[in-house]
PDB file of N, CA and C in Angstrom:
ATOM      1  N   MET A   1     161.851 100.574 108.741  1.00  0.00           N
ATOM      2  CA  MET A   1     161.058 101.139 109.845  1.00  0.00           C
ATOM      3  C   MET A   1     161.711 100.560 111.046  1.00  0.00           C
ATOM      4  N   LYS A   2     161.687 101.269 112.139  1.00  0.00           N
ATOM      5  CA  LYS A   2     162.218 101.197 113.495  1.00  0.00           C
ATOM      6  C   LYS A   2     161.060 100.980 114.357  1.00  0.00           C
ATOM      7  N   CYS A   3     161.001  99.676 115.197  1.00  0.00           N
ATOM      8  CA  CYS A   3     159.923  99.773 116.223  1.00  0.00           C
ATOM      9  C   CYS A   3     159.976 100.690 117.139  1.00  0.00           C
ATOM     10  N   ASN A   4     158.829 101.303 117.166  1.00  0.00           N
ATOM     11  CA  ASN A   4     158.587 102.598 118.254  1.00  0.00           C
ATOM     12  C   ASN A   4     157.197 102.116 118.914  1.00  0.00           C
ATOM     13  N   GLU A   5     156.758 101.057 119.145  1.00  0.00           N
ATOM     14  CA  GLU A   5     155.541 100.794 119.839  1.00  0.00           C
ATOM     15  C   GLU A   5     155.907  99.642 120.980  1.00  0.00           C
ATOM     16  N   GLY A   6     155.594  99.745 122.016  1.00  0.00           N
ATOM     17  CA  GLY A   6     155.841  98.602 123.052  1.00  0.00           C
ATOM     18  C   GLY A   6     154.671  97.629 122.983  1.00  0.00           C
ATOM     19  N   GLY A   7     154.921  96.737 123.831  1.00  0.00           N
ATOM     20  CA  GLY A   7     154.060  95.393 123.755  1.00  0.00           C
ATOM     21  C   GLY A   7     152.459  95.742 124.151  1.00  0.00           C
ATOM     22  N   ILE A   8     152.370  96.612 125.225  1.00  0.00           N
ATOM     23  CA  ILE A   8     150.852  96.969 125.525  1.00  0.00           C
ATOM     24  C   ILE A   8     150.309  97.980 124.476  1.00  0.00           C
ATOM     25  N   ASP A   9     151.032  98.746 124.017  1.00  0.00           N
ATOM     26  CA  ASP A   9     150.622  99.736 122.984  1.00  0.00           C
ATOM     27  C   ASP A   9     150.094  98.698 121.798  1.00  0.00           C
ATOM     28  N   ARG A  10     150.922  97.948 121.368  1.00  0.00           N
ATOM     29  CA  ARG A  10     150.689  97.211 120.146  1.00  0.00           C
ATOM     30  C   ARG A  10     149.290  96.407 120.499  1.00  0.00           C
ATOM     31  N   GLY A  11     149.320  95.730 121.546  1.00  0.00           N
ATOM     32  CA  GLY A  11     148.154  94.778 121.765  1.00  0.00           C
ATOM     33  C   GLY A  11     146.624  95.662 121.835  1.00  0.00           C
ATOM     34  N   LEU A  12     146.820  96.738 122.514  1.00  0.00           N
ATOM     35  CA  LEU A  12     145.711  97.746 122.551  1.00  0.00           C
ATOM     36  C   LEU A  12     145.180  98.146 121.264  1.00  0.00           C
ATOM     37  N   ARG A  13     146.251  98.528 120.537  1.00  0.00           N
ATOM     38  CA  ARG A  13     145.937  99.150 119.175  1.00  0.00           C
ATOM     39  C   ARG A  13     145.200  97.970 118.120  1.00  0.00           C
ATOM     40  N   ILE A  14     145.762  96.781 118.347  1.00  0.00           N
ATOM     41  CA  ILE A  14     145.209  95.616 117.524  1.00  0.00           C
ATOM     42  C   ILE A  14     143.545  95.230 118.035  1.00  0.00           C
ATOM     43  N   ILE A  15     143.560  95.385 119.374  1.00  0.00           N
ATOM     44  CA  ILE A  15     142.154  95.131 119.877  1.00  0.00           C
ATOM     45  C   ILE A  15     141.041  96.270 119.706  1.00  0.00           C
ATOM     46  N   VAL A  16     141.657  97.359 119.805  1.00  0.00           N
ATOM     47  CA  VAL A  16     140.825  98.527 119.353  1.00  0.00           C
ATOM     48  C   VAL A  16     140.275  98.442 117.780  1.00  0.00           C
ATOM     49  N   GLY A  17     141.383  98.240 117.073  1.00  0.00           N
ATOM     50  CA  GLY A  17     141.120  98.127 115.546  1.00  0.00           C
ATOM     51  C   GLY A  17     140.277  97.231 115.201  1.00  0.00           C
ATOM     52  N   LEU A  18     140.479  95.899 115.758  1.00  0.00           N
ATOM     53  CA  LEU A  18     139.667  94.728 115.366  1.00  0.00           C
ATOM     54  C   LEU A  18     137.956  95.004 116.014  1.00  0.00           C
ATOM     55  N   ALA A  19     137.966  95.795 117.173  1.00  0.00           N
ATOM     56  CA  ALA A  19     136.564  95.845 117.472  1.00  0.00           C
ATOM     57  C   ALA A  19     135.820  96.770 116.588  1.00  0.00           C
ATOM     58  N   LEU A  20     136.576  98.116 116.385  1.00  0.00           N
ATOM     59  CA  LEU A  20     136.055  99.052 115.232  1.00  0.00           C
ATOM     60  C   LEU A  20     135.569  98.203 113.818  1.00  0.00           C
ATOM     61  N   ILE A  21     136.363  97.325 113.457  1.00  0.00           N
ATOM     62  CA  ILE A  21     136.195  96.598 111.957  1.00  0.00           C
ATOM     63  C   ILE A  21     134.915  95.846 112.285  1.00  0.00           C
ATOM     64  N   GLY A  22     135.006  95.027 113.674  1.00  0.00           N
ATOM     65  CA  GLY A  22     133.617  94.278 114.003  1.00  0.00           C
ATOM     66  C   GLY A  22     132.519  94.789 114.042  1.00  0.00           C
ATOM     67  N   LEU A  23     132.478  95.939 114.617  1.00  0.00           N
ATOM     68  CA  LEU A  23     131.280  96.861 114.872  1.00  0.00           C
ATOM     69  C   LEU A  23     130.867  97.319 113.334  1.00  0.00           C
ATOM     70  N   THR A  24     131.690  97.598 112.418  1.00  0.00           N
ATOM     71  CA  THR A  24     131.250  97.979 111.337  1.00  0.00           C
ATOM     72  C   THR A  24     130.537  96.927 110.402  1.00  0.00           C
ATOM     73  N   LEU A  25     131.227  95.673 110.752  1.00  0.00           N
ATOM     74  CA  LEU A  25     130.682  94.514 109.923  1.00  0.00           C
ATOM     75  C   LEU A  25     129.302  94.144 110.462  1.00  0.00           C
ATOM     76  N   ALA A  26     129.186  94.612 111.714  1.00  0.00           N
ATOM     77  CA  ALA A  26     127.994  94.189 112.337  1.00  0.00           C
ATOM     78  C   ALA A  26     126.783  95.127 112.093  1.00  0.00           C
ATOM     79  N   GLY A  27     127.177  96.253 111.390  1.00  0.00           N
ATOM     80  CA  GLY A  27     126.265  97.309 111.166  1.00  0.00           C
ATOM     81  C   GLY A  27     126.003  98.158 112.452  1.00  0.00           C
ATOM     82  N   THR A  28     126.527  98.202 113.491  1.00  0.00           N
ATOM     83  CA  THR A  28     126.333  98.891 114.622  1.00  0.00           C
ATOM     84  C   THR A  28     126.852 100.152 114.440  1.00  0.00           C
ATOM     85  N   ILE A  29     127.992 100.410 113.764  1.00  0.00           N
ATOM     86  CA  ILE A  29     128.627 101.828 113.358  1.00  0.00           C
ATOM     87  C   ILE A  29     128.605 102.022 112.027  1.00  0.00           C
ATOM     88  N   GLY A  30     128.703 103.065 111.495  1.00  0.00           N
ATOM     89  CA  GLY A  30     128.866 103.438 110.029  1.00  0.00           C
ATOM     90  C   GLY A  30     130.323 102.946 109.393  1.00  0.00           C
ATOM     91  N   VAL A  31     130.514 103.506 108.245  1.00  0.00           N
ATOM     92  CA  VAL A  31     131.507 102.935 107.459  1.00  0.00           C
ATOM     93  C   VAL A  31     132.765 103.731 107.985  1.00  0.00           C
ATOM     94  N   TRP A  32     132.648 104.713 108.748  1.00  0.00           N
ATOM     95  CA  TRP A  32     133.998 105.456 109.414  1.00  0.00           C
ATOM     96  C   TRP A  32     134.547 104.308 110.399  1.00  0.00           C
ATOM     97  N   GLY A  33     134.075 103.269 110.695  1.00  0.00           N
ATOM     98  CA  GLY A  33     134.659 102.187 111.527  1.00  0.00           C
ATOM     99  C   GLY A  33     135.985 101.394 110.945  1.00  0.00           C
ATOM    100  N   TRP A  34     135.790 101.689 109.507  1.00  0.00           N
ATOM    101  CA  TRP A  34     137.030 101.142 108.771  1.00  0.00           C
ATOM    102  C   TRP A  34     138.313 101.804 108.983  1.00  0.00           C
ATOM    103  N   ILE A  35     138.283 102.934 109.809  1.00  0.00           N
ATOM    104  CA  ILE A  35     139.495 103.597 110.290  1.00  0.00           C
ATOM    105  C   ILE A  35     140.247 102.545 111.293  1.00  0.00           C
ATOM    106  N   GLY A  36     139.703 101.428 111.773  1.00  0.00           N
ATOM    107  CA  GLY A  36     140.179 100.528 112.543  1.00  0.00           C
ATOM    108  C   GLY A  36     141.286  99.871 111.989  1.00  0.00           C
ATOM    109  N   VAL A  37     141.261  99.910 110.584  1.00  0.00           N
ATOM    110  CA  VAL A  37     142.262  99.310 109.891  1.00  0.00           C
ATOM    111  C   VAL A  37     143.666  99.845 110.092  1.00  0.00           C
ATOM    112  N   VAL A  38     143.854 101.045 110.579  1.00  0.00           N
ATOM    113  CA  VAL A  38     145.171 101.684 110.753  1.00  0.00           C
ATOM    114  C   VAL A  38     145.695 101.325 112.041  1.00  0.00           C
ATOM    115  N   PRO A  39     144.884 101.366 113.122  1.00  0.00           N
ATOM    116  CA  PRO A  39     145.638 100.832 114.409  1.00  0.00           C
ATOM    117  C   PRO A  39     146.082  99.424 114.266  1.00  0.00           C
ATOM    118  N   VAL A  40     145.151  98.578 113.631  1.00  0.00           N
ATOM    119  CA  VAL A  40     145.498  97.109 113.313  1.00  0.00           C
ATOM    120  C   VAL A  40     146.864  97.069 112.868  1.00  0.00           C
ATOM    121  N   LEU A  41     147.184  97.703 111.459  1.00  0.00           N
ATOM    122  CA  LEU A  41     148.283  97.451 110.782  1.00  0.00           C
ATOM    123  C   LEU A  41     149.418  98.152 111.519  1.00  0.00           C
ATOM    124  N   THR A  42     149.325  99.441 112.283  1.00  0.00           N
ATOM    125  CA  THR A  42     150.516  99.964 113.034  1.00  0.00           C
ATOM    126  C   THR A  42     150.799  99.195 114.224  1.00  0.00           C
ATOM    127  N   GLY A  43     149.804  98.168 114.730  1.00  0.00           N
ATOM    128  CA  GLY A  43     150.055  97.357 116.058  1.00  0.00           C
ATOM    129  C   GLY A  43     150.679  96.100 115.449  1.00  0.00           C
ATOM    130  N   VAL A  44     150.451  95.625 114.283  1.00  0.00           N
ATOM    131  CA  VAL A  44     150.995  94.373 113.554  1.00  0.00           C
ATOM    132  C   VAL A  44     152.543  94.889 113.255  1.00  0.00           C
ATOM    133  N   PHE A  45     152.869  95.852 112.738  1.00  0.00           N
ATOM    134  CA  PHE A  45     154.224  96.246 112.294  1.00  0.00           C
ATOM    135  C   PHE A  45     154.999  96.745 113.537  1.00  0.00           C
ATOM    136  N   GLY A  46     154.396  97.296 114.431  1.00  0.00           N
ATOM    137  CA  GLY A  46     155.217  97.866 115.600  1.00  0.00           C
ATOM    138  C   GLY A  46     155.712  99.297 115.188  1.00  0.00           C
ATOM    139  N   PHE A  47     155.112  99.861 114.233  1.00  0.00           N
ATOM    140  CA  PHE A  47     155.549 101.321 113.780  1.00  0.00           C
ATOM    141  C   PHE A  47     154.522 102.248 113.609  1.00  0.00           C
ATOM    142  N   CYS A  48     154.532 103.475 114.291  1.00  0.00           N
ATOM    143  CA  CYS A  48     153.536 104.430 113.928  1.00  0.00           C
ATOM    144  C   CYS A  48     154.248 105.770 113.699  1.00  0.00           C
ATOM    145  N   PRO A  49     153.635 106.130 112.532  1.00  0.00           N
ATOM    146  CA  PRO A  49     154.429 107.320 111.826  1.00  0.00           C
ATOM    147  C   PRO A  49     154.074 108.494 112.746  1.00  0.00           C
ATOM    148  N   ALA A  50     153.057 108.797 113.278  1.00  0.00           N
ATOM    149  CA  ALA A  50     152.691 109.845 114.227  1.00  0.00           C
ATOM    150  C   ALA A  50     153.690 109.764 115.375  1.00  0.00           C
ATOM    151  N   TYR A  51     153.951 108.643 116.063  1.00  0.00           N
ATOM    152  CA  TYR A  51     155.067 108.608 117.057  1.00  0.00           C
ATOM    153  C   TYR A  51     156.330 109.320 116.730  1.00  0.00           C
ATOM    154  N   THR A  52     156.634 108.788 115.306  1.00  0.00           N
ATOM    155  CA  THR A  52     158.002 109.395 114.733  1.00  0.00           C
ATOM    156  C   THR A  52     157.911 110.851 114.536  1.00  0.00           C
ATOM    157  N   LEU A  53     156.859 111.453 114.138  1.00  0.00           N
ATOM    158  CA  LEU A  53     156.594 112.780 114.025  1.00  0.00           C
ATOM    159  C   LEU A  53     156.683 113.566 115.611  1.00  0.00           C
ATOM    160  N   LEU A  54     156.283 113.138 116.486  1.00  0.00           N
ATOM    161  CA  LEU A  54     156.019 113.478 117.575  1.00  0.00           C
ATOM    162  C   LEU A  54     157.080 113.385 118.644  1.00  0.00           C
ATOM    163  N   GLY A  55     157.959 112.492 118.183  1.00  0.00           N
ATOM    164  CA  GLY A  55     159.438 112.011 118.723  1.00  0.00           C
ATOM    165  C   GLY A  55     159.105 111.177 120.019  1.00  0.00           C
ATOM    166  N   MET A  56     157.829 110.260 119.899  1.00  0.00           N
ATOM    167  CA  MET A  56     157.515 109.310 120.891  1.00  0.00           C
ATOM    168  C   MET A  56     158.324 108.058 120.695  1.00  0.00           C
ATOM    169  N   ASN A  57     158.333 107.245 121.739  1.00  0.00           N
ATOM    170  CA  ASN A  57     158.685 105.811 121.613  1.00  0.00           C
ATOM    171  C   ASN A  57     158.365 105.023 122.853  1.00  0.00           C
ATOM    172  N   THR A  58     157.406 104.018 122.743  1.00  0.00           N
ATOM    173  CA  THR A  58     156.933 103.279 123.732  1.00  0.00           C
ATOM    174  C   THR A  58     157.498 101.873 123.896  1.00  0.00           C
ATOM    175  N   CYS A  59     158.382 101.650 122.974  1.00  0.00           N
ATOM    176  CA  CYS A  59     159.119 100.389 122.665  1.00  0.00           C
ATOM    177  C   CYS A  59     160.176 100.303 123.898  1.00  0.00           C
ATOM    178  N   SER A  60     160.312  99.375 124.681  1.00  0.00           N
ATOM    179  CA  SER A  60     161.109  99.212 125.850  1.00  0.00           C
ATOM    180  C   SER A  60     162.724  98.707 125.559  1.00  0.00           C
ATOM    181  N   THR A  61     162.690  98.168 124.218  1.00  0.00           N
ATOM    182  CA  THR A  61     163.906  97.735 123.701  1.00  0.00           C
ATOM    183  C   THR A  61     164.160  98.735 122.422  1.00  0.00           C
ATOM    184  N   ASP A  62     165.417  98.512 122.077  1.00  0.00           N
ATOM    185  CA  ASP A  62     165.830  99.209 120.602  1.00  0.00           C
ATOM    186  C   ASP A  62     165.739  98.232 119.715  1.00  0.00           C
ATOM    187  N   LYS A  63     164.559  97.694 119.233  1.00  0.00           N
ATOM    188  CA  LYS A  63     164.594  96.800 118.024  1.00  0.00           C
ATOM    189  C   LYS A  63     164.952  97.488 116.627  1.00  0.00           C
ATOM    190  N   LYS A  64     165.473  96.712 115.903  1.00  0.00           N
ATOM    191  CA  LYS A  64     165.737  97.119 114.568  1.00  0.00           C
ATOM    192  C   LYS A  64     164.706  96.485 113.481  1.00  0.00           C
TER     193      LYS A  64
END
């Protein structure tokens, strides 16, 4: 998998994903909040399959 996410993109994904998971655990939102696992994983790995399908790349350097 080739990195296709930049630093800001990755950071925002992790923050939003953790917020969704936290709200779910706190009982503020329903079980759909577990979808926050997806942005956390894509942020950690730096690869987004949707970006590949759409031909997008926010990564400033060409990492391998």
